[in-house]
């Protein structure tokens, strides 16, 4: 039964995340909220909502290593796995903002995450600091974006297929939003329960379950979306979106979770998983700087690093 709950939780999170995004985007369009704000708030929240619900549920349920492992593992998977597979399918052009704004902010968030974790617990005031920084960062991006021309805004609307495909049906959007929220709640409950039971039955550390099974499960929406978009040749799924997801995972997911309840951080997570997260983030920078695209060779390097990381974890279990 523990495998049943694990798989049911994963599937529920995937579908619930999609319903949440569609419903929230539909409501945002009804109130004529700009595509920039929709993308940065509604869609970012929708794709990171599985991580948020899983983290809160795990932390409050007495499983902090699953909560931390979920965030760290998801950030590793977003860059090494999701981006790696996406550029293997189709190379992605590097936007200037990804080099000048997104990546530095991601590194700042990652290092601040490490700093707050060194004492073995992320306190409520540290969560408030993380979330406040995210709010300020988002506000500055929105303010600066208003300087863009009307023409560029129209082009962004045309290129953003995820937003343009949502039909203007308010009642249907509210229905999708409700299904998404309910699905995320139960999906997180089932996923954490199944993962915890499996860890106990095999004598595995909850940390390992968190950075592998749970992290992969909550990253499935990003993986499927990016892979399908790359296969179709759509360029709206950019490196900046994945980097932004990592920023959101730390600043919002960890921030809000630690505000609800302080999160204990194991020494092994800091000594092993955190440094993999930091190392892969650092390795991405020269890939962004050298060349106009992140091509297939770079994608192979990223994917290889993820396979290496998972292999080391599996060998440590054995």
C-alpha atoms as a PDB file:
ATOM      1  CA  UNK A   1       0.000   0.000   0.000  1.00  0.00           C
ATOM      2  CA  UNK A   2       2.888   2.391   0.640  1.00  0.00           C
ATOM      3  CA  UNK A   3       3.794   2.286  -3.075  1.00  0.00           C
ATOM      4  CA  UNK A   4       0.165   2.887  -3.956  1.00  0.00           C
ATOM      5  CA  UNK A   5       0.048   6.045  -1.819  1.00  0.00           C
ATOM      6  CA  UNK A   6       3.391   7.226  -3.217  1.00  0.00           C
ATOM      7  CA  UNK A   7       2.298   6.834  -6.854  1.00  0.00           C
ATOM      8  CA  UNK A   8      -1.175   8.225  -6.150  1.00  0.00           C
ATOM      9  CA  UNK A   9       0.404  11.261  -4.481  1.00  0.00           C
ATOM     10  CA  UNK A  10       2.753  11.866  -7.425  1.00  0.00           C
ATOM     11  CA  UNK A  11      -0.012  11.570 -10.039  1.00  0.00           C
ATOM     12  CA  UNK A  12      -2.367  13.773  -8.007  1.00  0.00           C
ATOM     13  CA  UNK A  13       0.288  16.500  -7.628  1.00  0.00           C
ATOM     14  CA  UNK A  14       0.989  16.537 -11.381  1.00  0.00           C
ATOM     15  CA  UNK A  15      -2.668  16.921 -12.371  1.00  0.00           C
ATOM     16  CA  UNK A  16      -3.507  19.268  -9.488  1.00  0.00           C
ATOM     17  CA  UNK A  17      -0.626  21.582 -10.411  1.00  0.00           C
ATOM     18  CA  UNK A  18      -1.906  21.794 -13.989  1.00  0.00           C
ATOM     19  CA  UNK A  19      -5.474  22.547 -12.846  1.00  0.00           C
ATOM     20  CA  UNK A  20      -4.192  25.197 -10.428  1.00  0.00           C
ATOM     21  CA  UNK A  21      -2.188  26.999 -13.125  1.00  0.00           C
ATOM     22  CA  UNK A  22      -5.056  26.943 -15.625  1.00  0.00           C
ATOM     23  CA  UNK A  23      -7.584  28.155 -13.109  1.00  0.00           C
ATOM     24  CA  UNK A  24      -5.394  30.893 -11.668  1.00  0.00           C
ATOM     25  CA  UNK A  25      -4.340  32.161 -15.109  1.00  0.00           C
ATOM     26  CA  UNK A  26      -7.977  32.258 -16.218  1.00  0.00           C
ATOM     27  CA  UNK A  27      -8.944  34.348 -13.190  1.00  0.00           C
ATOM     28  CA  UNK A  28      -5.945  36.647 -13.677  1.00  0.00           C
ATOM     29  CA  UNK A  29      -6.878  37.199 -17.328  1.00  0.00           C
ATOM     30  CA  UNK A  30     -10.460  38.033 -16.305  1.00  0.00           C
ATOM     31  CA  UNK A  31      -9.171  40.829 -14.076  1.00  0.00           C
ATOM     32  CA  UNK A  32      -6.816  41.989 -16.864  1.00  0.00           C
ATOM     33  CA  UNK A  33      -3.629  41.319 -14.930  1.00  0.00           C
ATOM     34  CA  UNK A  34      -0.579  41.624 -17.174  1.00  0.00           C
ATOM     35  CA  UNK A  35       1.122  38.512 -18.553  1.00  0.00           C
ATOM     36  CA  UNK A  36       4.297  39.454 -16.681  1.00  0.00           C
ATOM     37  CA  UNK A  37       2.515  39.434 -13.339  1.00  0.00           C
ATOM     38  CA  UNK A  38       0.703  36.204 -14.248  1.00  0.00           C
ATOM     39  CA  UNK A  39       3.957  34.512 -15.169  1.00  0.00           C
ATOM     40  CA  UNK A  40       5.870  35.690 -12.117  1.00  0.00           C
ATOM     41  CA  UNK A  41       3.155  35.064  -9.552  1.00  0.00           C
ATOM     42  CA  UNK A  42       0.397  32.726 -10.691  1.00  0.00           C
ATOM     43  CA  UNK A  43       2.385  30.350 -12.901  1.00  0.00           C
ATOM     44  CA  UNK A  44       5.442  30.377 -10.636  1.00  0.00           C
ATOM     45  CA  UNK A  45       3.264  29.596  -7.636  1.00  0.00           C
ATOM     46  CA  UNK A  46       1.366  26.929  -9.555  1.00  0.00           C
ATOM     47  CA  UNK A  47       4.472  25.019 -10.617  1.00  0.00           C
ATOM     48  CA  UNK A  48       6.063  25.346  -7.164  1.00  0.00           C
ATOM     49  CA  UNK A  49       2.865  24.640  -5.220  1.00  0.00           C
ATOM     50  CA  UNK A  50       3.617  20.881  -5.001  1.00  0.00           C
ATOM     51  CA  UNK A  51       6.964  21.649  -3.320  1.00  0.00           C
ATOM     52  CA  UNK A  52       5.273  24.120  -0.961  1.00  0.00           C
ATOM     53  CA  UNK A  53       2.492  21.755   0.119  1.00  0.00           C
ATOM     54  CA  UNK A  54       4.871  18.805   0.498  1.00  0.00           C
ATOM     55  CA  UNK A  55       7.328  20.880   2.564  1.00  0.00           C
ATOM     56  CA  UNK A  56       4.685  22.249   4.924  1.00  0.00           C
ATOM     57  CA  UNK A  57       3.076  18.833   5.340  1.00  0.00           C
ATOM     58  CA  UNK A  58       6.430  17.107   5.936  1.00  0.00           C
ATOM     59  CA  UNK A  59       7.737  19.746   8.352  1.00  0.00           C
ATOM     60  CA  UNK A  60       4.541  19.836  10.414  1.00  0.00           C
ATOM     61  CA  UNK A  61       4.369  16.031  10.364  1.00  0.00           C
ATOM     62  CA  UNK A  62       7.772  15.699  11.981  1.00  0.00           C
ATOM     63  CA  UNK A  63       9.723  14.846   8.815  1.00  0.00           C
ATOM     64  CA  UNK A  64      11.980  17.894   8.273  1.00  0.00           C
ATOM     65  CA  UNK A  65      14.539  15.972   6.213  1.00  0.00           C
ATOM     66  CA  UNK A  66      11.882  15.250   3.575  1.00  0.00           C
ATOM     67  CA  UNK A  67      10.970  18.953   3.549  1.00  0.00           C
ATOM     68  CA  UNK A  68      14.569  20.148   3.105  1.00  0.00           C
ATOM     69  CA  UNK A  69      15.439  17.284   0.776  1.00  0.00           C
ATOM     70  CA  UNK A  70      12.474  18.146  -1.422  1.00  0.00           C
ATOM     71  CA  UNK A  71      13.666  21.729  -1.970  1.00  0.00           C
ATOM     72  CA  UNK A  72      17.343  20.869  -2.401  1.00  0.00           C
ATOM     73  CA  UNK A  73      16.578  17.907  -4.673  1.00  0.00           C
ATOM     74  CA  UNK A  74      14.106  19.927  -6.742  1.00  0.00           C
ATOM     75  CA  UNK A  75      16.667  22.703  -7.288  1.00  0.00           C
ATOM     76  CA  UNK A  76      19.262  20.153  -8.379  1.00  0.00           C
ATOM     77  CA  UNK A  77      16.733  18.451 -10.672  1.00  0.00           C
ATOM     78  CA  UNK A  78      15.506  21.724 -12.240  1.00  0.00           C
ATOM     79  CA  UNK A  79      18.988  22.602 -13.516  1.00  0.00           C
ATOM     80  CA  UNK A  80      20.716  19.244 -14.006  1.00  0.00           C
ATOM     81  CA  UNK A  81      17.753  17.084 -15.064  1.00  0.00           C
ATOM     82  CA  UNK A  82      15.003  19.326 -16.481  1.00  0.00           C
ATOM     83  CA  UNK A  83      17.281  21.823 -18.243  1.00  0.00           C
ATOM     84  CA  UNK A  84      19.636  19.035 -19.302  1.00  0.00           C
ATOM     85  CA  UNK A  85      16.883  17.033 -21.004  1.00  0.00           C
ATOM     86  CA  UNK A  86      15.292  20.157 -22.518  1.00  0.00           C
ATOM     87  CA  UNK A  87      18.465  21.346 -24.286  1.00  0.00           C
ATOM     88  CA  UNK A  88      19.242  17.808 -25.434  1.00  0.00           C
ATOM     89  CA  UNK A  89      15.930  17.959 -27.307  1.00  0.00           C
ATOM     90  CA  UNK A  90      16.433  21.535 -28.518  1.00  0.00           C
ATOM     91  CA  UNK A  91      19.199  24.039 -27.598  1.00  0.00           C
ATOM     92  CA  UNK A  92      17.908  27.139 -25.777  1.00  0.00           C
ATOM     93  CA  UNK A  93      19.037  30.701 -26.449  1.00  0.00           C
ATOM     94  CA  UNK A  94      20.358  32.431 -23.320  1.00  0.00           C
ATOM     95  CA  UNK A  95      18.489  35.616 -22.452  1.00  0.00           C
ATOM     96  CA  UNK A  96      20.578  38.542 -21.183  1.00  0.00           C
ATOM     97  CA  UNK A  97      18.503  38.792 -18.022  1.00  0.00           C
ATOM     98  CA  UNK A  98      19.354  35.185 -17.199  1.00  0.00           C
ATOM     99  CA  UNK A  99      23.021  36.166 -16.975  1.00  0.00           C
ATOM    100  CA  UNK A 100      22.668  39.583 -15.332  1.00  0.00           C
ATOM    101  CA  UNK A 101      19.681  39.141 -12.994  1.00  0.00           C
ATOM    102  CA  UNK A 102      18.301  35.612 -12.674  1.00  0.00           C
ATOM    103  CA  UNK A 103      21.492  33.622 -12.066  1.00  0.00           C
ATOM    104  CA  UNK A 104      23.032  36.108  -9.538  1.00  0.00           C
ATOM    105  CA  UNK A 105      19.734  36.150  -7.633  1.00  0.00           C
ATOM    106  CA  UNK A 106      19.598  32.349  -7.625  1.00  0.00           C
ATOM    107  CA  UNK A 107      23.155  32.141  -6.242  1.00  0.00           C
ATOM    108  CA  UNK A 108      22.360  34.767  -3.608  1.00  0.00           C
ATOM    109  CA  UNK A 109      19.257  32.820  -2.535  1.00  0.00           C
ATOM    110  CA  UNK A 110      21.199  29.534  -2.490  1.00  0.00           C
ATOM    111  CA  UNK A 111      24.047  30.916  -0.361  1.00  0.00           C
ATOM    112  CA  UNK A 112      21.595  32.613   2.008  1.00  0.00           C
ATOM    113  CA  UNK A 113      19.771  29.274   2.311  1.00  0.00           C
ATOM    114  CA  UNK A 114      23.085  27.642   3.267  1.00  0.00           C
ATOM    115  CA  UNK A 115      23.903  30.401   5.768  1.00  0.00           C
ATOM    116  CA  UNK A 116      20.542  30.074   7.528  1.00  0.00           C
ATOM    117  CA  UNK A 117      20.935  26.278   7.668  1.00  0.00           C
ATOM    118  CA  UNK A 118      24.384  26.171   9.283  1.00  0.00           C
ATOM    119  CA  UNK A 119      23.008  26.282  12.836  1.00  0.00           C
ATOM    120  CA  UNK A 120      20.851  23.209  12.125  1.00  0.00           C
ATOM    121  CA  UNK A 121      17.488  24.968  11.893  1.00  0.00           C
ATOM    122  CA  UNK A 122      15.784  27.578   9.743  1.00  0.00           C
ATOM    123  CA  UNK A 123      13.969  29.869  12.159  1.00  0.00           C
ATOM    124  CA  UNK A 124      10.764  31.837  11.608  1.00  0.00           C
ATOM    125  CA  UNK A 125      12.553  35.189  11.369  1.00  0.00           C
ATOM    126  CA  UNK A 126      14.854  33.701   8.705  1.00  0.00           C
ATOM    127  CA  UNK A 127      11.802  32.552   6.761  1.00  0.00           C
ATOM    128  CA  UNK A 128      10.400  36.074   6.980  1.00  0.00           C
ATOM    129  CA  UNK A 129      13.696  37.443   5.624  1.00  0.00           C
ATOM    130  CA  UNK A 130      13.640  35.001   2.695  1.00  0.00           C
ATOM    131  CA  UNK A 131      10.049  35.754   1.744  1.00  0.00           C
ATOM    132  CA  UNK A 132      10.512  39.520   2.156  1.00  0.00           C
ATOM    133  CA  UNK A 133      13.512  39.499  -0.186  1.00  0.00           C
ATOM    134  CA  UNK A 134      11.447  37.584  -2.762  1.00  0.00           C
ATOM    135  CA  UNK A 135       8.621  40.134  -2.487  1.00  0.00           C
ATOM    136  CA  UNK A 136      11.036  43.046  -2.997  1.00  0.00           C
ATOM    137  CA  UNK A 137      12.758  41.280  -5.906  1.00  0.00           C
ATOM    138  CA  UNK A 138       9.409  40.583  -7.579  1.00  0.00           C
ATOM    139  CA  UNK A 139       8.271  44.185  -7.091  1.00  0.00           C
ATOM    140  CA  UNK A 140      11.473  45.541  -8.662  1.00  0.00           C
ATOM    141  CA  UNK A 141      11.129  43.225 -11.655  1.00  0.00           C
ATOM    142  CA  UNK A 142       7.524  44.299 -12.199  1.00  0.00           C
ATOM    143  CA  UNK A 143       8.425  47.991 -11.864  1.00  0.00           C
ATOM    144  CA  UNK A 144      11.298  47.699 -14.331  1.00  0.00           C
ATOM    145  CA  UNK A 145       9.177  45.712 -16.771  1.00  0.00           C
ATOM    146  CA  UNK A 146       6.721  48.613 -17.070  1.00  0.00           C
ATOM    147  CA  UNK A 147       9.398  50.501 -18.940  1.00  0.00           C
ATOM    148  CA  UNK A 148       9.130  48.004 -21.778  1.00  0.00           C
ATOM    149  CA  UNK A 149       7.310  49.069 -24.927  1.00  0.00           C
ATOM    150  CA  UNK A 150       3.736  48.102 -25.719  1.00  0.00           C
ATOM    151  CA  UNK A 151       4.999  46.206 -28.723  1.00  0.00           C
ATOM    152  CA  UNK A 152       7.207  43.931 -26.637  1.00  0.00           C
ATOM    153  CA  UNK A 153       4.325  43.244 -24.275  1.00  0.00           C
ATOM    154  CA  UNK A 154       2.151  42.186 -27.212  1.00  0.00           C
ATOM    155  CA  UNK A 155       4.925  39.898 -28.442  1.00  0.00           C
ATOM    156  CA  UNK A 156       5.185  38.317 -24.993  1.00  0.00           C
ATOM    157  CA  UNK A 157       1.451  37.617 -25.043  1.00  0.00           C
ATOM    158  CA  UNK A 158       1.745  35.936 -28.434  1.00  0.00           C
ATOM    159  CA  UNK A 159       4.750  33.844 -27.376  1.00  0.00           C
ATOM    160  CA  UNK A 160       3.349  32.690 -24.048  1.00  0.00           C
ATOM    161  CA  UNK A 161       1.296  29.710 -25.167  1.00  0.00           C
ATOM    162  CA  UNK A 162       0.507  28.660 -21.604  1.00  0.00           C
ATOM    163  CA  UNK A 163      -1.347  31.900 -20.976  1.00  0.00           C
ATOM    164  CA  UNK A 164      -2.953  32.362 -24.406  1.00  0.00           C
ATOM    165  CA  UNK A 165      -4.441  28.850 -24.437  1.00  0.00           C
ATOM    166  CA  UNK A 166      -6.493  29.496 -21.317  1.00  0.00           C
ATOM    167  CA  UNK A 167     -10.041  30.417 -22.337  1.00  0.00           C
ATOM    168  CA  UNK A 168     -11.882  33.337 -20.745  1.00  0.00           C
ATOM    169  CA  UNK A 169     -14.401  31.318 -18.713  1.00  0.00           C
ATOM    170  CA  UNK A 170     -14.425  32.618 -15.111  1.00  0.00           C
ATOM    171  CA  UNK A 171     -16.620  29.878 -13.607  1.00  0.00           C
ATOM    172  CA  UNK A 172     -14.540  27.156 -15.230  1.00  0.00           C
ATOM    173  CA  UNK A 173     -11.359  28.848 -13.985  1.00  0.00           C
ATOM    174  CA  UNK A 174     -12.696  28.938 -10.418  1.00  0.00           C
ATOM    175  CA  UNK A 175     -13.628  25.256 -10.726  1.00  0.00           C
ATOM    176  CA  UNK A 176     -10.100  24.387 -11.957  1.00  0.00           C
ATOM    177  CA  UNK A 177      -8.560  26.451  -9.154  1.00  0.00           C
ATOM    178  CA  UNK A 178     -10.620  24.630  -6.512  1.00  0.00           C
ATOM    179  CA  UNK A 179      -9.739  21.208  -7.926  1.00  0.00           C
ATOM    180  CA  UNK A 180      -6.075  22.185  -8.035  1.00  0.00           C
ATOM    181  CA  UNK A 181      -5.968  23.332  -4.401  1.00  0.00           C
ATOM    182  CA  UNK A 182      -7.780  20.243  -3.114  1.00  0.00           C
ATOM    183  CA  UNK A 183      -5.645  17.956  -5.251  1.00  0.00           C
ATOM    184  CA  UNK A 184      -2.415  19.549  -4.047  1.00  0.00           C
ATOM    185  CA  UNK A 185      -3.428  19.103  -0.427  1.00  0.00           C
ATOM    186  CA  UNK A 186      -4.269  15.420  -0.698  1.00  0.00           C
ATOM    187  CA  UNK A 187      -1.436  14.728  -3.141  1.00  0.00           C
ATOM    188  CA  UNK A 188       1.096  16.136  -0.690  1.00  0.00           C
ATOM    189  CA  UNK A 189      -0.407  14.088   2.168  1.00  0.00           C
ATOM    190  CA  UNK A 190      -0.277  10.839   0.185  1.00  0.00           C
ATOM    191  CA  UNK A 191       3.188  11.470  -1.225  1.00  0.00           C
ATOM    192  CA  UNK A 192       4.788  12.230   2.157  1.00  0.00           C
ATOM    193  CA  UNK A 193       3.006   9.272   3.787  1.00  0.00           C
ATOM    194  CA  UNK A 194       4.081   6.829   1.070  1.00  0.00           C
ATOM    195  CA  UNK A 195       7.679   8.112   0.994  1.00  0.00           C
ATOM    196  CA  UNK A 196       7.968   7.947   4.780  1.00  0.00           C
ATOM    197  CA  UNK A 197       6.653   4.378   4.900  1.00  0.00           C
ATOM    198  CA  UNK A 198       9.070   3.275   2.172  1.00  0.00           C
ATOM    199  CA  UNK A 199      11.992   4.899   3.970  1.00  0.00           C
ATOM    200  CA  UNK A 200      11.093   3.106   7.192  1.00  0.00           C
ATOM    201  CA  UNK A 201      10.599  -0.296   5.534  1.00  0.00           C
ATOM    202  CA  UNK A 202      13.979  -0.196   3.778  1.00  0.00           C
ATOM    203  CA  UNK A 203      15.823   1.540   6.569  1.00  0.00           C
ATOM    204  CA  UNK A 204      16.554   4.450   4.237  1.00  0.00           C
ATOM    205  CA  UNK A 205      17.206   7.954   5.449  1.00  0.00           C
ATOM    206  CA  UNK A 206      14.315  10.357   4.965  1.00  0.00           C
ATOM    207  CA  UNK A 207      16.862  12.776   3.511  1.00  0.00           C
ATOM    208  CA  UNK A 208      17.582  10.375   0.619  1.00  0.00           C
ATOM    209  CA  UNK A 209      13.877   9.849  -0.052  1.00  0.00           C
ATOM    210  CA  UNK A 210      13.382  13.618  -0.005  1.00  0.00           C
ATOM    211  CA  UNK A 211      16.121  14.499  -2.514  1.00  0.00           C
ATOM    212  CA  UNK A 212      15.259  11.641  -4.891  1.00  0.00           C
ATOM    213  CA  UNK A 213      11.680  10.317  -5.016  1.00  0.00           C
ATOM    214  CA  UNK A 214       9.862  13.302  -3.498  1.00  0.00           C
ATOM    215  CA  UNK A 215      12.008  15.911  -5.282  1.00  0.00           C
ATOM    216  CA  UNK A 216      11.599  14.172  -8.631  1.00  0.00           C
ATOM    217  CA  UNK A 217       7.855  13.875  -8.105  1.00  0.00           C
ATOM    218  CA  UNK A 218       7.391  17.566  -7.375  1.00  0.00           C
ATOM    219  CA  UNK A 219       9.613  18.464 -10.360  1.00  0.00           C
ATOM    220  CA  UNK A 220       7.599  16.344 -12.805  1.00  0.00           C
ATOM    221  CA  UNK A 221       5.375  19.295 -13.911  1.00  0.00           C
ATOM    222  CA  UNK A 222       8.450  21.350 -14.869  1.00  0.00           C
ATOM    223  CA  UNK A 223      10.069  18.336 -16.555  1.00  0.00           C
ATOM    224  CA  UNK A 224       7.034  17.447 -18.666  1.00  0.00           C
ATOM    225  CA  UNK A 225       6.316  21.067 -19.607  1.00  0.00           C
ATOM    226  CA  UNK A 226       9.924  21.811 -20.596  1.00  0.00           C
ATOM    227  CA  UNK A 227      10.434  18.569 -22.512  1.00  0.00           C
ATOM    228  CA  UNK A 228       7.192  18.902 -24.502  1.00  0.00           C
ATOM    229  CA  UNK A 229       7.884  22.591 -25.236  1.00  0.00           C
ATOM    230  CA  UNK A 230      11.392  21.768 -26.465  1.00  0.00           C
ATOM    231  CA  UNK A 231      10.070  18.932 -28.623  1.00  0.00           C
ATOM    232  CA  UNK A 232       7.546  21.288 -30.222  1.00  0.00           C
ATOM    233  CA  UNK A 233      10.237  23.916 -30.786  1.00  0.00           C
ATOM    234  CA  UNK A 234       8.567  26.465 -28.505  1.00  0.00           C
ATOM    235  CA  UNK A 235      11.078  28.889 -27.007  1.00  0.00           C
ATOM    236  CA  UNK A 236       8.819  30.353 -24.318  1.00  0.00           C
ATOM    237  CA  UNK A 237      10.203  27.861 -21.796  1.00  0.00           C
ATOM    238  CA  UNK A 238      13.518  29.566 -21.079  1.00  0.00           C
ATOM    239  CA  UNK A 239      16.450  29.044 -18.744  1.00  0.00           C
ATOM    240  CA  UNK A 240      15.248  32.038 -16.773  1.00  0.00           C
ATOM    241  CA  UNK A 241      12.003  30.263 -15.918  1.00  0.00           C
ATOM    242  CA  UNK A 242      13.852  27.287 -14.408  1.00  0.00           C
ATOM    243  CA  UNK A 243      16.256  29.554 -12.529  1.00  0.00           C
ATOM    244  CA  UNK A 244      13.267  31.521 -11.305  1.00  0.00           C
ATOM    245  CA  UNK A 245      11.689  28.313 -10.047  1.00  0.00           C
ATOM    246  CA  UNK A 246      14.803  27.645  -7.965  1.00  0.00           C
ATOM    247  CA  UNK A 247      14.618  31.146  -6.512  1.00  0.00           C
ATOM    248  CA  UNK A 248      10.959  30.620  -5.661  1.00  0.00           C
ATOM    249  CA  UNK A 249      11.655  27.204  -4.076  1.00  0.00           C
ATOM    250  CA  UNK A 250      14.096  28.745  -1.611  1.00  0.00           C
ATOM    251  CA  UNK A 251      12.567  32.144  -0.950  1.00  0.00           C
ATOM    252  CA  UNK A 252       8.890  31.156  -0.958  1.00  0.00           C
ATOM    253  CA  UNK A 253       8.731  27.419  -0.223  1.00  0.00           C
ATOM    254  CA  UNK A 254      11.409  27.371   2.492  1.00  0.00           C
ATOM    255  CA  UNK A 255      10.456  30.858   3.634  1.00  0.00           C
ATOM    256  CA  UNK A 256       6.743  30.184   4.087  1.00  0.00           C
ATOM    257  CA  UNK A 257       7.293  26.701   5.538  1.00  0.00           C
ATOM    258  CA  UNK A 258       9.714  27.973   8.171  1.00  0.00           C
ATOM    259  CA  UNK A 259       7.274  30.758   9.062  1.00  0.00           C
ATOM    260  CA  UNK A 260       4.619  28.109   9.724  1.00  0.00           C
ATOM    261  CA  UNK A 261       7.068  25.919  11.662  1.00  0.00           C
ATOM    262  CA  UNK A 262      10.881  26.083  12.035  1.00  0.00           C
ATOM    263  CA  UNK A 263      12.629  23.458   9.883  1.00  0.00           C
ATOM    264  CA  UNK A 264      15.419  21.292  11.301  1.00  0.00           C
ATOM    265  CA  UNK A 265      18.341  20.727   8.902  1.00  0.00           C
ATOM    266  CA  UNK A 266      20.546  17.655   9.259  1.00  0.00           C
ATOM    267  CA  UNK A 267      24.321  17.982   9.165  1.00  0.00           C
ATOM    268  CA  UNK A 268      24.531  15.380   6.393  1.00  0.00           C
ATOM    269  CA  UNK A 269      22.237  17.438   4.168  1.00  0.00           C
ATOM    270  CA  UNK A 270      24.521  20.447   4.584  1.00  0.00           C
ATOM    271  CA  UNK A 271      27.711  18.432   4.023  1.00  0.00           C
ATOM    272  CA  UNK A 272      26.476  16.559   0.933  1.00  0.00           C
ATOM    273  CA  UNK A 273      23.261  17.750  -0.739  1.00  0.00           C
ATOM    274  CA  UNK A 274      23.726  21.492  -0.264  1.00  0.00           C
ATOM    275  CA  UNK A 275      27.144  21.397  -1.931  1.00  0.00           C
ATOM    276  CA  UNK A 276      25.767  19.494  -4.907  1.00  0.00           C
ATOM    277  CA  UNK A 277      23.076  22.162  -5.225  1.00  0.00           C
ATOM    278  CA  UNK A 278      25.668  24.953  -5.016  1.00  0.00           C
ATOM    279  CA  UNK A 279      28.102  23.163  -7.344  1.00  0.00           C
ATOM    280  CA  UNK A 280      25.532  22.617 -10.095  1.00  0.00           C
ATOM    281  CA  UNK A 281      24.360  26.231  -9.771  1.00  0.00           C
ATOM    282  CA  UNK A 282      27.963  27.435 -10.140  1.00  0.00           C
ATOM    283  CA  UNK A 283      28.588  25.107 -13.094  1.00  0.00           C
ATOM    284  CA  UNK A 284      25.632  26.668 -14.908  1.00  0.00           C
ATOM    285  CA  UNK A 285      27.224  30.137 -14.966  1.00  0.00           C
ATOM    286  CA  UNK A 286      30.014  29.451 -17.531  1.00  0.00           C
ATOM    287  CA  UNK A 287      27.416  27.640 -19.654  1.00  0.00           C
ATOM    288  CA  UNK A 288      25.396  30.856 -19.737  1.00  0.00           C
ATOM    289  CA  UNK A 289      28.397  33.118 -20.364  1.00  0.00           C
ATOM    290  CA  UNK A 290      30.159  31.211 -23.143  1.00  0.00           C
ATOM    291  CA  UNK A 291      28.065  31.008 -26.273  1.00  0.00           C
ATOM    292  CA  UNK A 292      24.622  32.358 -27.129  1.00  0.00           C
ATOM    293  CA  UNK A 293      22.935  29.006 -26.534  1.00  0.00           C
ATOM    294  CA  UNK A 294      22.953  26.199 -24.017  1.00  0.00           C
ATOM    295  CA  UNK A 295      23.465  23.375 -26.489  1.00  0.00           C
ATOM    296  CA  UNK A 296      23.309  19.597 -26.413  1.00  0.00           C
ATOM    297  CA  UNK A 297      26.883  19.112 -25.138  1.00  0.00           C
ATOM    298  CA  UNK A 298      26.174  21.335 -22.136  1.00  0.00           C
ATOM    299  CA  UNK A 299      22.892  19.511 -21.638  1.00  0.00           C
ATOM    300  CA  UNK A 300      24.743  16.206 -21.595  1.00  0.00           C
ATOM    301  CA  UNK A 301      27.113  17.561 -18.929  1.00  0.00           C
ATOM    302  CA  UNK A 302      24.183  18.708 -16.797  1.00  0.00           C
ATOM    303  CA  UNK A 303      22.339  15.411 -17.146  1.00  0.00           C
ATOM    304  CA  UNK A 304      25.525  13.470 -16.365  1.00  0.00           C
ATOM    305  CA  UNK A 305      25.970  15.442 -13.150  1.00  0.00           C
ATOM    306  CA  UNK A 306      22.437  14.496 -12.071  1.00  0.00           C
ATOM    307  CA  UNK A 307      23.014  10.809 -12.858  1.00  0.00           C
ATOM    308  CA  UNK A 308      26.287  10.959 -10.903  1.00  0.00           C
ATOM    309  CA  UNK A 309      24.591  12.547  -7.902  1.00  0.00           C
ATOM    310  CA  UNK A 310      21.784   9.963  -7.829  1.00  0.00           C
ATOM    311  CA  UNK A 311      24.293   7.115  -8.323  1.00  0.00           C
ATOM    312  CA  UNK A 312      26.333   8.278  -5.338  1.00  0.00           C
ATOM    313  CA  UNK A 313      23.184   8.391  -3.211  1.00  0.00           C
ATOM    314  CA  UNK A 314      22.176   4.862  -4.290  1.00  0.00           C
ATOM    315  CA  UNK A 315      25.649   3.513  -3.532  1.00  0.00           C
ATOM    316  CA  UNK A 316      25.582   5.166  -0.109  1.00  0.00           C
ATOM    317  CA  UNK A 317      22.294   3.360   0.628  1.00  0.00           C
ATOM    318  CA  UNK A 318      23.775   0.019  -0.397  1.00  0.00           C
END
